[in-house]
Amino acid sequence: MPKLKTKKALVKKIKVTKGGKVTRRKTGQNHYNSKENGKEGRAKKGDVRLFRSDEKNVLKALVN
């Protein structure tokens, strides 16, 4: 049986924390940021946790 490869596209989009939580970047950071105030800009820079149901699917896809 051949080796199982990791899904490289998925690895680039998410990060798995030490406790097993899966985080992703917030959307809408690429352009149209000049009209936002500082609070909105700082809020978009933080990572967001995935839903638990999605976490299970993502972790399963990483292994296969």
PDB file of N, CA and C in Angstrom:
ATOM      1  N   MET A   1       0.843  -1.177   0.000  1.00  0.00           N
ATOM      2  CA  MET A   1       0.000   0.000   0.000  1.00  0.00           C
ATOM      3  C   MET A   1       0.894   1.248   0.000  1.00  0.00           C
ATOM      4  N   PRO A   2       0.599   2.215  -0.870  1.00  0.00           N
ATOM      5  CA  PRO A   2       1.457   3.416  -0.933  1.00  0.00           C
ATOM      6  C   PRO A   2       1.285   4.313   0.285  1.00  0.00           C
ATOM      7  N   LYS A   3       2.244   5.215   0.441  1.00  0.00           N
ATOM      8  CA  LYS A   3       2.183   6.170   1.551  1.00  0.00           C
ATOM      9  C   LYS A   3       0.991   7.095   1.388  1.00  0.00           C
ATOM     10  N   LEU A   4       0.427   7.528   2.510  1.00  0.00           N
ATOM     11  CA  LEU A   4      -0.651   8.515   2.460  1.00  0.00           C
ATOM     12  C   LEU A   4      -0.037   9.902   2.436  1.00  0.00           C
ATOM     13  N   LYS A   5      -0.454  10.725   1.496  1.00  0.00           N
ATOM     14  CA  LYS A   5       0.089  12.076   1.396  1.00  0.00           C
ATOM     15  C   LYS A   5      -0.839  13.079   2.073  1.00  0.00           C
ATOM     16  N   THR A   6      -0.245  14.129   2.599  1.00  0.00           N
ATOM     17  CA  THR A   6      -1.046  15.197   3.202  1.00  0.00           C
ATOM     18  C   THR A   6      -1.570  16.095   2.096  1.00  0.00           C
ATOM     19  N   LYS A   7      -2.742  16.670   2.322  1.00  0.00           N
ATOM     20  CA  LYS A   7      -3.310  17.616   1.373  1.00  0.00           C
ATOM     21  C   LYS A   7      -2.607  18.956   1.574  1.00  0.00           C
ATOM     22  N   LYS A   8      -1.688  19.308   0.674  1.00  0.00           N
ATOM     23  CA  LYS A   8      -0.848  20.492   0.851  1.00  0.00           C
ATOM     24  C   LYS A   8      -1.656  21.789   0.812  1.00  0.00           C
ATOM     25  N   ALA A   9      -2.699  21.849   0.000  1.00  0.00           N
ATOM     26  CA  ALA A   9      -3.514  23.062  -0.070  1.00  0.00           C
ATOM     27  C   ALA A   9      -4.199  23.316   1.269  1.00  0.00           C
ATOM     28  N   LEU A  10      -4.631  22.257   1.907  1.00  0.00           N
ATOM     29  CA  LEU A  10      -5.299  22.373   3.198  1.00  0.00           C
ATOM     30  C   LEU A  10      -4.321  22.784   4.293  1.00  0.00           C
ATOM     31  N   VAL A  11      -3.115  22.269   4.222  1.00  0.00           N
ATOM     32  CA  VAL A  11      -2.101  22.583   5.233  1.00  0.00           C
ATOM     33  C   VAL A  11      -1.762  24.071   5.201  1.00  0.00           C
ATOM     34  N   LYS A  12      -1.774  24.676   4.020  1.00  0.00           N
ATOM     35  CA  LYS A  12      -1.435  26.090   3.888  1.00  0.00           C
ATOM     36  C   LYS A  12      -2.539  27.000   4.420  1.00  0.00           C
ATOM     37  N   LYS A  13      -3.775  26.514   4.459  1.00  0.00           N
ATOM     38  CA  LYS A  13      -4.901  27.353   4.851  1.00  0.00           C
ATOM     39  C   LYS A  13      -5.207  27.308   6.343  1.00  0.00           C
ATOM     40  N   ILE A  14      -4.813  26.247   7.026  1.00  0.00           N
ATOM     41  CA  ILE A  14      -5.203  26.084   8.423  1.00  0.00           C
ATOM     42  C   ILE A  14      -3.988  25.887   9.311  1.00  0.00           C
ATOM     43  N   LYS A  15      -4.214  25.958  10.616  1.00  0.00           N
ATOM     44  CA  LYS A  15      -3.176  25.665  11.594  1.00  0.00           C
ATOM     45  C   LYS A  15      -3.824  24.881  12.715  1.00  0.00           C
ATOM     46  N   VAL A  16      -3.183  23.802  13.127  1.00  0.00           N
ATOM     47  CA  VAL A  16      -3.692  22.994  14.224  1.00  0.00           C
ATOM     48  C   VAL A  16      -2.910  23.370  15.474  1.00  0.00           C
ATOM     49  N   THR A  17      -3.620  23.773  16.519  1.00  0.00           N
ATOM     50  CA  THR A  17      -2.969  24.196  17.751  1.00  0.00           C
ATOM     51  C   THR A  17      -2.549  22.983  18.568  1.00  0.00           C
ATOM     52  N   LYS A  18      -1.827  23.242  19.644  1.00  0.00           N
ATOM     53  CA  LYS A  18      -1.340  22.167  20.497  1.00  0.00           C
ATOM     54  C   LYS A  18      -2.492  21.367  21.095  1.00  0.00           C
ATOM     55  N   GLY A  19      -3.577  22.048  21.426  1.00  0.00           N
ATOM     56  CA  GLY A  19      -4.727  21.373  22.014  1.00  0.00           C
ATOM     57  C   GLY A  19      -5.619  20.672  21.008  1.00  0.00           C
ATOM     58  N   GLY A  20      -5.274  20.736  19.717  1.00  0.00           N
ATOM     59  CA  GLY A  20      -6.049  20.046  18.685  1.00  0.00           C
ATOM     60  C   GLY A  20      -7.106  20.905  18.027  1.00  0.00           C
ATOM     61  N   LYS A  21      -7.146  22.210  18.351  1.00  0.00           N
ATOM     62  CA  LYS A  21      -8.102  23.086  17.699  1.00  0.00           C
ATOM     63  C   LYS A  21      -7.577  23.461  16.315  1.00  0.00           C
ATOM     64  N   VAL A  22      -8.502  23.694  15.388  1.00  0.00           N
ATOM     65  CA  VAL A  22      -8.124  24.066  14.027  1.00  0.00           C
ATOM     66  C   VAL A  22      -8.495  25.529  13.809  1.00  0.00           C
ATOM     67  N   THR A  23      -7.510  26.346  13.416  1.00  0.00           N
ATOM     68  CA  THR A  23      -7.758  27.764  13.199  1.00  0.00           C
ATOM     69  C   THR A  23      -7.523  28.113  11.738  1.00  0.00           C
ATOM     70  N   ARG A  24      -8.171  29.191  11.306  1.00  0.00           N
ATOM     71  CA  ARG A  24      -8.022  29.681   9.944  1.00  0.00           C
ATOM     72  C   ARG A  24      -7.945  31.192   9.982  1.00  0.00           C
ATOM     73  N   ARG A  25      -7.541  31.801   8.871  1.00  0.00           N
ATOM     74  CA  ARG A  25      -7.483  33.253   8.784  1.00  0.00           C
ATOM     75  C   ARG A  25      -8.874  33.812   8.555  1.00  0.00           C
ATOM     76  N   LYS A  26      -9.082  35.039   9.014  1.00  0.00           N
ATOM     77  CA  LYS A  26     -10.350  35.706   8.727  1.00  0.00           C
ATOM     78  C   LYS A  26     -10.364  36.146   7.277  1.00  0.00           C
ATOM     79  N   THR A  27     -11.556  36.218   6.696  1.00  0.00           N
ATOM     80  CA  THR A  27     -11.676  36.597   5.295  1.00  0.00           C
ATOM     81  C   THR A  27     -11.751  38.111   5.144  1.00  0.00           C
ATOM     82  N   GLY A  28     -11.563  38.579   3.929  1.00  0.00           N
ATOM     83  CA  GLY A  28     -11.734  39.982   3.605  1.00  0.00           C
ATOM     84  C   GLY A  28     -10.582  40.857   4.026  1.00  0.00           C
ATOM     85  N   GLN A  29      -9.348  40.372   3.923  1.00  0.00           N
ATOM     86  CA  GLN A  29      -8.192  41.149   4.340  1.00  0.00           C
ATOM     87  C   GLN A  29      -7.397  41.711   3.170  1.00  0.00           C
ATOM     88  N   ASN A  30      -7.755  41.385   1.954  1.00  0.00           N
ATOM     89  CA  ASN A  30      -6.879  41.691   0.836  1.00  0.00           C
ATOM     90  C   ASN A  30      -6.993  43.113   0.319  1.00  0.00           C
ATOM     91  N   HIS A  31      -8.194  43.641   0.186  1.00  0.00           N
ATOM     92  CA  HIS A  31      -8.330  45.008  -0.319  1.00  0.00           C
ATOM     93  C   HIS A  31      -9.576  45.648   0.268  1.00  0.00           C
ATOM     94  N   TYR A  32      -9.753  46.926  -0.026  1.00  0.00           N
ATOM     95  CA  TYR A  32     -10.819  47.758   0.545  1.00  0.00           C
ATOM     96  C   TYR A  32     -10.632  47.921   2.055  1.00  0.00           C
ATOM     97  N   ASN A  33      -9.406  48.002   2.507  1.00  0.00           N
ATOM     98  CA  ASN A  33      -9.156  48.129   3.938  1.00  0.00           C
ATOM     99  C   ASN A  33      -8.964  49.571   4.375  1.00  0.00           C
ATOM    100  N   SER A  34      -8.799  50.500   3.422  1.00  0.00           N
ATOM    101  CA  SER A  34      -8.498  51.881   3.801  1.00  0.00           C
ATOM    102  C   SER A  34      -9.696  52.574   4.436  1.00  0.00           C
ATOM    103  N   LYS A  35     -10.904  52.145   4.092  1.00  0.00           N
ATOM    104  CA  LYS A  35     -12.081  52.810   4.651  1.00  0.00           C
ATOM    105  C   LYS A  35     -12.477  52.289   6.023  1.00  0.00           C
ATOM    106  N   GLU A  36     -11.795  51.253   6.512  1.00  0.00           N
ATOM    107  CA  GLU A  36     -12.117  50.712   7.819  1.00  0.00           C
ATOM    108  C   GLU A  36     -11.447  51.525   8.916  1.00  0.00           C
ATOM    109  N   ASN A  37     -12.032  51.476  10.090  1.00  0.00           N
ATOM    110  CA  ASN A  37     -11.356  52.092  11.219  1.00  0.00           C
ATOM    111  C   ASN A  37     -10.370  51.083  11.823  1.00  0.00           C
ATOM    112  N   GLY A  38      -9.577  51.532  12.769  1.00  0.00           N
ATOM    113  CA  GLY A  38      -8.537  50.678  13.329  1.00  0.00           C
ATOM    114  C   GLY A  38      -9.071  49.461  14.031  1.00  0.00           C
ATOM    115  N   LYS A  39     -10.221  49.603  14.680  1.00  0.00           N
ATOM    116  CA  LYS A  39     -10.802  48.478  15.418  1.00  0.00           C
ATOM    117  C   LYS A  39     -11.145  47.324  14.478  1.00  0.00           C
ATOM    118  N   GLU A  40     -11.765  47.662  13.339  1.00  0.00           N
ATOM    119  CA  GLU A  40     -12.122  46.616  12.369  1.00  0.00           C
ATOM    120  C   GLU A  40     -10.883  45.964  11.781  1.00  0.00           C
ATOM    121  N   GLY A  41      -9.880  46.763  11.474  1.00  0.00           N
ATOM    122  CA  GLY A  41      -8.650  46.227  10.903  1.00  0.00           C
ATOM    123  C   GLY A  41      -7.942  45.277  11.849  1.00  0.00           C
ATOM    124  N   ARG A  42      -7.873  45.651  13.112  1.00  0.00           N
ATOM    125  CA  ARG A  42      -7.219  44.778  14.095  1.00  0.00           C
ATOM    126  C   ARG A  42      -8.026  43.508  14.316  1.00  0.00           C
ATOM    127  N   ALA A  43      -9.343  43.611  14.257  1.00  0.00           N
ATOM    128  CA  ALA A  43     -10.203  42.437  14.476  1.00  0.00           C
ATOM    129  C   ALA A  43     -10.016  41.407  13.374  1.00  0.00           C
ATOM    130  N   LYS A  44      -9.725  41.863  12.161  1.00  0.00           N
ATOM    131  CA  LYS A  44      -9.566  40.933  11.043  1.00  0.00           C
ATOM    132  C   LYS A  44      -8.214  40.227  11.043  1.00  0.00           C
ATOM    133  N   LYS A  45      -7.269  40.744  11.811  1.00  0.00           N
ATOM    134  CA  LYS A  45      -5.940  40.137  11.792  1.00  0.00           C
ATOM    135  C   LYS A  45      -5.845  38.869  12.635  1.00  0.00           C
ATOM    136  N   GLY A  46      -6.781  38.666  13.558  1.00  0.00           N
ATOM    137  CA  GLY A  46      -6.737  37.484  14.401  1.00  0.00           C
ATOM    138  C   GLY A  46      -7.256  36.246  13.689  1.00  0.00           C
ATOM    139  N   ASP A  47      -6.828  35.100  14.139  1.00  0.00           N
ATOM    140  CA  ASP A  47      -7.312  33.854  13.564  1.00  0.00           C
ATOM    141  C   ASP A  47      -8.641  33.461  14.195  1.00  0.00           C
ATOM    142  N   VAL A  48      -9.400  32.638  13.468  1.00  0.00           N
ATOM    143  CA  VAL A  48     -10.723  32.205  13.907  1.00  0.00           C
ATOM    144  C   VAL A  48     -10.721  30.688  13.996  1.00  0.00           C
ATOM    145  N   ARG A  49     -11.387  30.169  15.007  1.00  0.00           N
ATOM    146  CA  ARG A  49     -11.488  28.717  15.132  1.00  0.00           C
ATOM    147  C   ARG A  49     -12.587  28.185  14.212  1.00  0.00           C
ATOM    148  N   LEU A  50     -12.322  27.036  13.622  1.00  0.00           N
ATOM    149  CA  LEU A  50     -13.340  26.383  12.801  1.00  0.00           C
ATOM    150  C   LEU A  50     -14.423  25.793  13.691  1.00  0.00           C
ATOM    151  N   PHE A  51     -15.568  25.514  13.102  1.00  0.00           N
ATOM    152  CA  PHE A  51     -16.615  24.826  13.823  1.00  0.00           C
ATOM    153  C   PHE A  51     -16.152  23.401  14.139  1.00  0.00           C
ATOM    154  N   ARG A  52     -16.640  22.857  15.245  1.00  0.00           N
ATOM    155  CA  ARG A  52     -16.183  21.534  15.664  1.00  0.00           C
ATOM    156  C   ARG A  52     -16.486  20.463  14.633  1.00  0.00           C
ATOM    157  N   SER A  53     -17.644  20.573  13.973  1.00  0.00           N
ATOM    158  CA  SER A  53     -18.000  19.578  12.962  1.00  0.00           C
ATOM    159  C   SER A  53     -17.049  19.653  11.773  1.00  0.00           C
ATOM    160  N   ASP A  54     -16.615  20.884  11.422  1.00  0.00           N
ATOM    161  CA  ASP A  54     -15.655  21.039  10.335  1.00  0.00           C
ATOM    162  C   ASP A  54     -14.265  20.578  10.750  1.00  0.00           C
ATOM    163  N   GLU A  55     -13.921  20.759  12.023  1.00  0.00           N
ATOM    164  CA  GLU A  55     -12.606  20.349  12.509  1.00  0.00           C
ATOM    165  C   GLU A  55     -12.392  18.855  12.296  1.00  0.00           C
ATOM    166  N   LYS A  56     -13.410  18.078  12.588  1.00  0.00           N
ATOM    167  CA  LYS A  56     -13.283  16.629  12.431  1.00  0.00           C
ATOM    168  C   LYS A  56     -12.991  16.264  10.977  1.00  0.00           C
ATOM    169  N   ASN A  57     -13.704  16.918  10.055  1.00  0.00           N
ATOM    170  CA  ASN A  57     -13.499  16.625   8.635  1.00  0.00           C
ATOM    171  C   ASN A  57     -12.115  17.056   8.174  1.00  0.00           C
ATOM    172  N   VAL A  58     -11.644  18.199   8.671  1.00  0.00           N
ATOM    173  CA  VAL A  58     -10.344  18.721   8.262  1.00  0.00           C
ATOM    174  C   VAL A  58      -9.237  17.815   8.772  1.00  0.00           C
ATOM    175  N   LEU A  59      -9.320  17.420  10.020  1.00  0.00           N
ATOM    176  CA  LEU A  59      -8.285  16.546  10.573  1.00  0.00           C
ATOM    177  C   LEU A  59      -8.265  15.201   9.871  1.00  0.00           C
ATOM    178  N   LYS A  60      -9.434  14.725   9.473  1.00  0.00           N
ATOM    179  CA  LYS A  60      -9.509  13.468   8.736  1.00  0.00           C
ATOM    180  C   LYS A  60      -8.869  13.613   7.348  1.00  0.00           C
ATOM    181  N   ALA A  61      -9.086  14.784   6.712  1.00  0.00           N
ATOM    182  CA  ALA A  61      -8.547  15.021   5.388  1.00  0.00           C
ATOM    183  C   ALA A  61      -7.034  15.205   5.423  1.00  0.00           C
ATOM    184  N   LEU A  62      -6.509  15.705   6.529  1.00  0.00           N
ATOM    185  CA  LEU A  62      -5.055  15.884   6.637  1.00  0.00           C
ATOM    186  C   LEU A  62      -4.332  14.561   6.621  1.00  0.00           C
ATOM    187  N   VAL A  63      -4.931  13.559   7.228  1.00  0.00           N
ATOM    188  CA  VAL A  63      -4.274  12.257   7.329  1.00  0.00           C
ATOM    189  C   VAL A  63      -4.353  11.507   6.009  1.00  0.00           C
ATOM    190  N   ASN A  64      -5.473  11.632   5.307  1.00  0.00           N
ATOM    191  CA  ASN A  64      -5.652  10.889   4.045  1.00  0.00           C
ATOM    192  C   ASN A  64      -5.025  11.586   2.882  1.00  0.00           C
TER     193      ASN A  64
END
